[in-house]
Amino acid sequence: MANDVILVVDYEPMRREKTSELLVQNDCAAEGTDTADSAHTLLWADGTRYSLLLITTNLPGSLGAQDLAGEVRERKPDFPVVFTDDAETSPQLPGAPVLRKNFTLGQLLNAVETALR
């Protein structure tokens, strides 16, 4: 995980910053943004270097989390995606785990490590 850069997408600034901070403290580089629209721009920019998309559901903006994750998988079928969610209904994307919000550090690291394999 030391060379991996994780794109953390969450509309809640404190949660996004805390998640990014926890990842950095555990040998991952992390960058955050607040919408799927901005994540889309970052993911497809020239020289992109992201290794994993960690994205919450129910994001503001014209592009939803499920839509972005689906596009990522269309363009890069092996690109790892991990959802975070607090709703009863979960996003559906084959091979993409869903972490329930208020997840523990261990759950976060396990999901990231598993997805990156």
C-alpha atoms as a PDB file:
ATOM      1  CA  MET A   1       0.000   0.000   0.000  1.00  0.00           C
ATOM      2  CA  ALA A   2       2.976   2.320   0.360  1.00  0.00           C
ATOM      3  CA  ASN A   3       2.958   3.368  -3.302  1.00  0.00           C
ATOM      4  CA  ASP A   4      -0.818   3.549  -3.655  1.00  0.00           C
ATOM      5  CA  VAL A   5      -2.769   6.786  -3.927  1.00  0.00           C
ATOM      6  CA  ILE A   6      -6.385   6.563  -2.825  1.00  0.00           C
ATOM      7  CA  LEU A   7      -9.000   9.045  -4.001  1.00  0.00           C
ATOM      8  CA  VAL A   8     -11.379   9.631  -1.078  1.00  0.00           C
ATOM      9  CA  VAL A   9     -14.742  11.063  -2.144  1.00  0.00           C
ATOM     10  CA  ASP A  10     -17.072  12.198   0.634  1.00  0.00           C
ATOM     11  CA  TYR A  11     -19.362  15.232   0.897  1.00  0.00           C
ATOM     12  CA  GLU A  12     -18.702  15.549   4.654  1.00  0.00           C
ATOM     13  CA  PRO A  13     -15.418  17.486   5.082  1.00  0.00           C
ATOM     14  CA  MET A  14     -14.558  16.160   8.550  1.00  0.00           C
ATOM     15  CA  ARG A  15     -15.130  12.534   7.570  1.00  0.00           C
ATOM     16  CA  ARG A  16     -13.217  12.964   4.300  1.00  0.00           C
ATOM     17  CA  GLU A  17     -10.266  14.551   6.101  1.00  0.00           C
ATOM     18  CA  LYS A  18     -10.259  11.972   8.908  1.00  0.00           C
ATOM     19  CA  THR A  19     -10.418   9.051   6.470  1.00  0.00           C
ATOM     20  CA  SER A  20      -7.587  10.533   4.400  1.00  0.00           C
ATOM     21  CA  GLU A  21      -5.542  11.157   7.542  1.00  0.00           C
ATOM     22  CA  LEU A  22      -6.015   7.567   8.730  1.00  0.00           C
ATOM     23  CA  LEU A  23      -4.907   6.230   5.362  1.00  0.00           C
ATOM     24  CA  VAL A  24      -1.806   8.438   5.347  1.00  0.00           C
ATOM     25  CA  GLN A  25      -0.918   7.316   8.883  1.00  0.00           C
ATOM     26  CA  ASN A  26      -1.059   3.736   7.581  1.00  0.00           C
ATOM     27  CA  ASP A  27       1.311   4.130   4.615  1.00  0.00           C
ATOM     28  CA  CYS A  28      -1.168   5.148   1.914  1.00  0.00           C
ATOM     29  CA  ALA A  29      -1.205   8.419   0.080  1.00  0.00           C
ATOM     30  CA  ALA A  30      -4.699   9.897  -0.033  1.00  0.00           C
ATOM     31  CA  GLU A  31      -6.349  12.830  -1.729  1.00  0.00           C
ATOM     32  CA  GLY A  32      -9.904  13.943  -1.092  1.00  0.00           C
ATOM     33  CA  THR A  33     -12.725  15.646  -2.908  1.00  0.00           C
ATOM     34  CA  ASP A  34     -16.399  16.234  -2.199  1.00  0.00           C
ATOM     35  CA  THR A  35     -18.358  15.238  -5.322  1.00  0.00           C
ATOM     36  CA  ALA A  36     -18.364  12.531  -7.967  1.00  0.00           C
ATOM     37  CA  ASP A  37     -18.111  15.304 -10.555  1.00  0.00           C
ATOM     38  CA  SER A  38     -14.801  16.547  -9.153  1.00  0.00           C
ATOM     39  CA  ALA A  39     -13.587  12.964  -8.674  1.00  0.00           C
ATOM     40  CA  HIS A  40     -14.373  12.300 -12.346  1.00  0.00           C
ATOM     41  CA  THR A  41     -12.155  15.218 -13.349  1.00  0.00           C
ATOM     42  CA  LEU A  42      -9.322  14.039 -11.088  1.00  0.00           C
ATOM     43  CA  LEU A  43      -9.525  10.402 -12.200  1.00  0.00           C
ATOM     44  CA  TRP A  44      -9.331  11.165 -15.911  1.00  0.00           C
ATOM     45  CA  ALA A  45      -6.781  13.987 -15.803  1.00  0.00           C
ATOM     46  CA  ASP A  46      -3.527  13.440 -17.645  1.00  0.00           C
ATOM     47  CA  GLY A  47      -0.990  11.679 -15.493  1.00  0.00           C
ATOM     48  CA  THR A  48      -3.560  10.320 -13.085  1.00  0.00           C
ATOM     49  CA  ARG A  49      -1.998   8.087 -10.474  1.00  0.00           C
ATOM     50  CA  TYR A  50      -4.873   6.846  -8.350  1.00  0.00           C
ATOM     51  CA  SER A  51      -4.867   3.225  -7.252  1.00  0.00           C
ATOM     52  CA  LEU A  52      -8.303   3.006  -5.653  1.00  0.00           C
ATOM     53  CA  LEU A  53     -11.567   4.929  -5.468  1.00  0.00           C
ATOM     54  CA  LEU A  54     -13.053   5.147  -1.954  1.00  0.00           C
ATOM     55  CA  ILE A  55     -16.431   6.788  -2.491  1.00  0.00           C
ATOM     56  CA  THR A  56     -19.475   7.483  -0.374  1.00  0.00           C
ATOM     57  CA  THR A  57     -22.984   7.187  -1.728  1.00  0.00           C
ATOM     58  CA  ASN A  58     -25.549  10.008  -1.853  1.00  0.00           C
ATOM     59  CA  LEU A  59     -23.104  12.596  -3.166  1.00  0.00           C
ATOM     60  CA  PRO A  60     -24.255  16.037  -4.328  1.00  0.00           C
ATOM     61  CA  GLY A  61     -23.803  17.004  -7.952  1.00  0.00           C
ATOM     62  CA  SER A  62     -24.947  15.795 -11.329  1.00  0.00           C
ATOM     63  CA  LEU A  63     -22.942  12.567 -11.227  1.00  0.00           C
ATOM     64  CA  GLY A  64     -23.693   9.947  -8.593  1.00  0.00           C
ATOM     65  CA  ALA A  65     -21.310   7.572  -6.869  1.00  0.00           C
ATOM     66  CA  GLN A  66     -22.795   4.526  -8.591  1.00  0.00           C
ATOM     67  CA  ASP A  67     -22.511   6.257 -11.985  1.00  0.00           C
ATOM     68  CA  LEU A  68     -18.870   7.182 -11.457  1.00  0.00           C
ATOM     69  CA  ALA A  69     -17.956   3.726 -10.159  1.00  0.00           C
ATOM     70  CA  GLY A  70     -19.660   2.148 -13.160  1.00  0.00           C
ATOM     71  CA  GLU A  71     -17.754   4.374 -15.571  1.00  0.00           C
ATOM     72  CA  VAL A  72     -14.475   3.611 -13.824  1.00  0.00           C
ATOM     73  CA  ARG A  73     -15.120  -0.103 -14.252  1.00  0.00           C
ATOM     74  CA  GLU A  74     -16.076   0.347 -17.919  1.00  0.00           C
ATOM     75  CA  ARG A  75     -12.817   2.157 -18.653  1.00  0.00           C
ATOM     76  CA  LYS A  76     -10.602   0.153 -16.289  1.00  0.00           C
ATOM     77  CA  PRO A  77     -12.273  -3.171 -15.398  1.00  0.00           C
ATOM     78  CA  ASP A  78      -9.705  -4.072 -12.718  1.00  0.00           C
ATOM     79  CA  PHE A  79      -9.705  -0.685 -10.980  1.00  0.00           C
ATOM     80  CA  PRO A  80     -10.624  -1.171  -7.307  1.00  0.00           C
ATOM     81  CA  VAL A  81     -13.624   0.640  -5.857  1.00  0.00           C
ATOM     82  CA  VAL A  82     -14.759   0.653  -2.222  1.00  0.00           C
ATOM     83  CA  PHE A  83     -18.059   2.285  -1.247  1.00  0.00           C
ATOM     84  CA  THR A  84     -18.906   3.824   2.107  1.00  0.00           C
ATOM     85  CA  ASP A  85     -22.583   4.037   2.931  1.00  0.00           C
ATOM     86  CA  ASP A  86     -24.985   4.670   5.790  1.00  0.00           C
ATOM     87  CA  ALA A  87     -28.235   3.769   4.047  1.00  0.00           C
ATOM     88  CA  GLU A  88     -30.208   0.550   4.134  1.00  0.00           C
ATOM     89  CA  THR A  89     -29.766   0.064   0.392  1.00  0.00           C
ATOM     90  CA  SER A  90     -26.236  -0.388  -0.832  1.00  0.00           C
ATOM     91  CA  PRO A  91     -24.668   0.364  -4.193  1.00  0.00           C
ATOM     92  CA  GLN A  92     -24.176  -2.610  -6.438  1.00  0.00           C
ATOM     93  CA  LEU A  93     -20.915  -3.102  -8.288  1.00  0.00           C
ATOM     94  CA  PRO A  94     -19.367  -6.543  -8.658  1.00  0.00           C
ATOM     95  CA  GLY A  95     -16.288  -6.908  -6.485  1.00  0.00           C
ATOM     96  CA  ALA A  96     -16.771  -3.549  -4.743  1.00  0.00           C
ATOM     97  CA  PRO A  97     -17.164  -3.892  -0.986  1.00  0.00           C
ATOM     98  CA  VAL A  98     -19.396  -1.575   1.005  1.00  0.00           C
ATOM     99  CA  LEU A  99     -18.189  -0.200   4.327  1.00  0.00           C
ATOM    100  CA  ARG A 100     -20.947   0.992   6.649  1.00  0.00           C
ATOM    101  CA  LYS A 101     -20.188   4.489   7.915  1.00  0.00           C
ATOM    102  CA  ASN A 102     -18.692   4.674  11.373  1.00  0.00           C
ATOM    103  CA  PHE A 103     -16.432   1.852  10.210  1.00  0.00           C
ATOM    104  CA  THR A 104     -13.366   1.081  12.261  1.00  0.00           C
ATOM    105  CA  LEU A 105      -9.784   1.677  11.193  1.00  0.00           C
ATOM    106  CA  GLY A 106      -9.347  -2.088  10.897  1.00  0.00           C
ATOM    107  CA  GLN A 107     -12.360  -2.398   8.612  1.00  0.00           C
ATOM    108  CA  LEU A 108     -11.100   0.467   6.444  1.00  0.00           C
ATOM    109  CA  LEU A 109      -7.599  -0.945   6.108  1.00  0.00           C
ATOM    110  CA  ASN A 110      -8.904  -4.455   5.458  1.00  0.00           C
ATOM    111  CA  ALA A 111     -11.212  -3.240   2.682  1.00  0.00           C
ATOM    112  CA  VAL A 112      -8.453  -1.173   1.074  1.00  0.00           C
ATOM    113  CA  GLU A 113      -5.826  -3.930   1.290  1.00  0.00           C
ATOM    114  CA  THR A 114      -8.242  -6.529  -0.085  1.00  0.00           C
ATOM    115  CA  ALA A 115      -9.345  -4.285  -2.944  1.00  0.00           C
ATOM    116  CA  LEU A 116      -5.765  -3.495  -3.939  1.00  0.00           C
ATOM    117  CA  ARG A 117      -4.769  -7.163  -4.274  1.00  0.00           C
END
